[in-house]
Amino acid sequence: DIARHSHPYCITTYNNQVVRGKTVPNSRNPVIKESLTLYAPRTGPLGHVTISLYSEEPSGSTQADTLIGATSFDVAEKLRASENKAADGAGGDVHQWLPLDGGVSGSLHVSLRMEDVPEA
């Protein structure tokens, strides 16, 4: 039962990058404080980020991990919103609660910052 035995973790997908986060054992209201570095294309559209939240099944289980929910957002749209906030003196980073779809109800708090990486 997901309500009593949840071991949540996130999978973040952006372009061809997929990152699995740490599992938070025995938590129905997890705080997942992980920072991910994902690389955006230097040219062309930035695309979408998808974050899926799963509950890990015990090792040895034949069941697949349970989808709790997922959220997706357009990177360029979020960055435009942050630029507007920065122009108003409110800082340029994105901090937003996004609803989970496709599973149990809930939301994820997402922070997004775009930085230039020097070319090698």
C-alpha atoms as a PDB file:
ATOM      1  CA  ASP A   1       0.000   0.000   0.000  1.00  0.00           C
ATOM      2  CA  ILE A   2       1.584   3.257  -1.170  1.00  0.00           C
ATOM      3  CA  ALA A   3       0.104   5.320   1.681  1.00  0.00           C
ATOM      4  CA  ARG A   4       1.890   3.307   4.377  1.00  0.00           C
ATOM      5  CA  HIS A   5       5.076   2.062   2.756  1.00  0.00           C
ATOM      6  CA  SER A   6       6.287   4.705   0.368  1.00  0.00           C
ATOM      7  CA  HIS A   7       9.970   4.839  -0.554  1.00  0.00           C
ATOM      8  CA  PRO A   8       9.904   7.744  -3.032  1.00  0.00           C
ATOM      9  CA  TYR A   9      12.525   8.781  -5.556  1.00  0.00           C
ATOM     10  CA  CYS A  10      12.529  10.991  -8.642  1.00  0.00           C
ATOM     11  CA  ILE A  11      13.607  10.361 -12.188  1.00  0.00           C
ATOM     12  CA  THR A  12      14.402  13.562 -14.079  1.00  0.00           C
ATOM     13  CA  THR A  13      14.524  13.496 -17.881  1.00  0.00           C
ATOM     14  CA  TYR A  14      15.808  16.321 -20.066  1.00  0.00           C
ATOM     15  CA  ASN A  15      16.725  15.797 -23.716  1.00  0.00           C
ATOM     16  CA  ASN A  16      18.816  12.585 -23.702  1.00  0.00           C
ATOM     17  CA  GLN A  17      19.736  12.914 -20.027  1.00  0.00           C
ATOM     18  CA  VAL A  18      18.070  10.741 -17.387  1.00  0.00           C
ATOM     19  CA  VAL A  19      18.980  11.090 -13.713  1.00  0.00           C
ATOM     20  CA  ARG A  20      17.616   8.928 -10.895  1.00  0.00           C
ATOM     21  CA  GLY A  21      17.588  10.546  -7.487  1.00  0.00           C
ATOM     22  CA  LYS A  22      18.136   9.009  -4.070  1.00  0.00           C
ATOM     23  CA  THR A  23      15.380   6.995  -2.422  1.00  0.00           C
ATOM     24  CA  VAL A  24      13.796   8.486   0.703  1.00  0.00           C
ATOM     25  CA  PRO A  25      12.832   5.474   2.832  1.00  0.00           C
ATOM     26  CA  ASN A  26       9.479   5.275   4.637  1.00  0.00           C
ATOM     27  CA  SER A  27       8.184   8.730   3.769  1.00  0.00           C
ATOM     28  CA  ARG A  28       4.720   9.851   2.722  1.00  0.00           C
ATOM     29  CA  ASN A  29       5.845  13.489   2.578  1.00  0.00           C
ATOM     30  CA  PRO A  30       9.468  13.354   1.400  1.00  0.00           C
ATOM     31  CA  VAL A  31      11.870  16.246   1.263  1.00  0.00           C
ATOM     32  CA  ILE A  32      14.231  15.495  -1.603  1.00  0.00           C
ATOM     33  CA  LYS A  33      17.039  18.032  -1.523  1.00  0.00           C
ATOM     34  CA  GLU A  34      19.081  17.102  -4.545  1.00  0.00           C
ATOM     35  CA  SER A  35      20.771  19.359  -7.052  1.00  0.00           C
ATOM     36  CA  LEU A  36      21.095  18.111 -10.601  1.00  0.00           C
ATOM     37  CA  THR A  37      23.243  19.526 -13.353  1.00  0.00           C
ATOM     38  CA  LEU A  38      21.642  19.018 -16.742  1.00  0.00           C
ATOM     39  CA  TYR A  39      23.090  20.413 -19.941  1.00  0.00           C
ATOM     40  CA  ALA A  40      20.969  22.482 -22.303  1.00  0.00           C
ATOM     41  CA  PRO A  41      21.699  22.766 -26.014  1.00  0.00           C
ATOM     42  CA  ARG A  42      23.683  25.873 -26.981  1.00  0.00           C
ATOM     43  CA  THR A  43      21.421  26.412 -30.001  1.00  0.00           C
ATOM     44  CA  GLY A  44      17.847  25.522 -30.842  1.00  0.00           C
ATOM     45  CA  PRO A  45      14.871  24.972 -28.558  1.00  0.00           C
ATOM     46  CA  LEU A  46      15.523  24.185 -24.897  1.00  0.00           C
ATOM     47  CA  GLY A  47      12.773  21.573 -24.666  1.00  0.00           C
ATOM     48  CA  HIS A  48      10.964  20.095 -21.672  1.00  0.00           C
ATOM     49  CA  VAL A  49      12.000  18.661 -18.314  1.00  0.00           C
ATOM     50  CA  THR A  50       9.947  15.768 -16.939  1.00  0.00           C
ATOM     51  CA  ILE A  51      10.171  14.741 -13.293  1.00  0.00           C
ATOM     52  CA  SER A  52       8.529  11.443 -12.348  1.00  0.00           C
ATOM     53  CA  LEU A  53       8.079  10.468  -8.710  1.00  0.00           C
ATOM     54  CA  TYR A  54       8.037   6.736  -7.943  1.00  0.00           C
ATOM     55  CA  SER A  55       7.772   4.568  -4.863  1.00  0.00           C
ATOM     56  CA  GLU A  56      10.482   1.927  -4.817  1.00  0.00           C
ATOM     57  CA  GLU A  57       9.361  -1.641  -4.282  1.00  0.00           C
ATOM     58  CA  PRO A  58      11.374  -3.779  -1.833  1.00  0.00           C
ATOM     59  CA  SER A  59      14.341  -5.644  -3.292  1.00  0.00           C
ATOM     60  CA  GLY A  60      13.341  -9.066  -4.525  1.00  0.00           C
ATOM     61  CA  SER A  61       9.841  -7.869  -5.378  1.00  0.00           C
ATOM     62  CA  THR A  62       8.464  -8.912  -8.745  1.00  0.00           C
ATOM     63  CA  GLN A  63       6.357  -5.745  -8.949  1.00  0.00           C
ATOM     64  CA  ALA A  64       7.501  -2.659 -10.809  1.00  0.00           C
ATOM     65  CA  ASP A  65       8.007   0.517  -8.829  1.00  0.00           C
ATOM     66  CA  THR A  66       4.766   2.474  -8.394  1.00  0.00           C
ATOM     67  CA  LEU A  67       4.300   5.797 -10.180  1.00  0.00           C
ATOM     68  CA  ILE A  68       3.194   8.405  -7.651  1.00  0.00           C
ATOM     69  CA  GLY A  69       2.918  11.130 -10.289  1.00  0.00           C
ATOM     70  CA  ALA A  70       4.840  13.229 -12.785  1.00  0.00           C
ATOM     71  CA  THR A  71       5.199  16.823 -13.854  1.00  0.00           C
ATOM     72  CA  SER A  72       6.665  18.418 -16.961  1.00  0.00           C
ATOM     73  CA  PHE A  73       7.559  21.964 -17.917  1.00  0.00           C
ATOM     74  CA  ASP A  74       8.952  23.920 -20.836  1.00  0.00           C
ATOM     75  CA  VAL A  75      12.400  25.234 -19.882  1.00  0.00           C
ATOM     76  CA  ALA A  76      12.261  28.360 -22.064  1.00  0.00           C
ATOM     77  CA  GLU A  77       8.862  29.314 -20.629  1.00  0.00           C
ATOM     78  CA  LYS A  78      10.127  29.017 -17.041  1.00  0.00           C
ATOM     79  CA  LEU A  79      13.269  30.995 -17.842  1.00  0.00           C
ATOM     80  CA  ARG A  80      11.242  33.779 -19.475  1.00  0.00           C
ATOM     81  CA  ALA A  81       9.185  34.026 -16.299  1.00  0.00           C
ATOM     82  CA  SER A  82      12.367  34.205 -14.204  1.00  0.00           C
ATOM     83  CA  GLU A  83      13.811  36.924 -16.444  1.00  0.00           C
ATOM     84  CA  ASN A  84      10.645  38.961 -15.911  1.00  0.00           C
ATOM     85  CA  LYS A  85      11.018  38.513 -12.140  1.00  0.00           C
ATOM     86  CA  ALA A  86      14.691  39.541 -12.343  1.00  0.00           C
ATOM     87  CA  ALA A  87      13.746  42.683 -14.257  1.00  0.00           C
ATOM     88  CA  ASP A  88      11.369  43.519 -11.380  1.00  0.00           C
ATOM     89  CA  GLY A  89      14.190  43.012  -8.846  1.00  0.00           C
ATOM     90  CA  ALA A  90      12.872  39.664  -7.568  1.00  0.00           C
ATOM     91  CA  GLY A  91      15.830  37.471  -8.633  1.00  0.00           C
ATOM     92  CA  GLY A  92      16.210  35.314 -11.723  1.00  0.00           C
ATOM     93  CA  ASP A  93      15.936  31.766 -10.392  1.00  0.00           C
ATOM     94  CA  VAL A  94      12.729  29.773 -10.830  1.00  0.00           C
ATOM     95  CA  HIS A  95      11.130  28.406  -7.649  1.00  0.00           C
ATOM     96  CA  GLN A  96       7.716  26.889  -8.180  1.00  0.00           C
ATOM     97  CA  TRP A  97       5.362  24.197  -6.908  1.00  0.00           C
ATOM     98  CA  LEU A  98       4.213  22.011  -9.796  1.00  0.00           C
ATOM     99  CA  PRO A  99       1.272  19.597  -9.533  1.00  0.00           C
ATOM    100  CA  LEU A 100       1.793  15.865 -10.036  1.00  0.00           C
ATOM    101  CA  ASP A 101      -0.317  14.229 -12.736  1.00  0.00           C
ATOM    102  CA  GLY A 102      -1.040  10.577 -13.492  1.00  0.00           C
ATOM    103  CA  GLY A 103      -0.966   9.123 -10.011  1.00  0.00           C
ATOM    104  CA  VAL A 104      -1.622  10.050  -6.422  1.00  0.00           C
ATOM    105  CA  SER A 105      -2.279  13.758  -5.935  1.00  0.00           C
ATOM    106  CA  GLY A 106       0.543  15.975  -4.744  1.00  0.00           C
ATOM    107  CA  SER A 107       3.112  18.470  -5.942  1.00  0.00           C
ATOM    108  CA  LEU A 108       6.857  18.964  -6.310  1.00  0.00           C
ATOM    109  CA  HIS A 109       8.787  22.122  -5.545  1.00  0.00           C
ATOM    110  CA  VAL A 110      11.255  22.780  -8.366  1.00  0.00           C
ATOM    111  CA  SER A 111      14.114  25.265  -8.481  1.00  0.00           C
ATOM    112  CA  LEU A 112      15.713  26.043 -11.821  1.00  0.00           C
ATOM    113  CA  ARG A 113      18.783  28.108 -12.618  1.00  0.00           C
ATOM    114  CA  MET A 114      20.472  28.446 -15.992  1.00  0.00           C
ATOM    115  CA  GLU A 115      24.228  29.023 -16.007  1.00  0.00           C
ATOM    116  CA  ASP A 116      26.702  29.386 -18.837  1.00  0.00           C
ATOM    117  CA  VAL A 117      29.347  26.677 -18.911  1.00  0.00           C
ATOM    118  CA  PRO A 118      32.639  27.617 -20.539  1.00  0.00           C
ATOM    119  CA  GLU A 119      33.386  25.662 -23.682  1.00  0.00           C
ATOM    120  CA  ALA A 120      36.229  23.176 -23.310  1.00  0.00           C
END
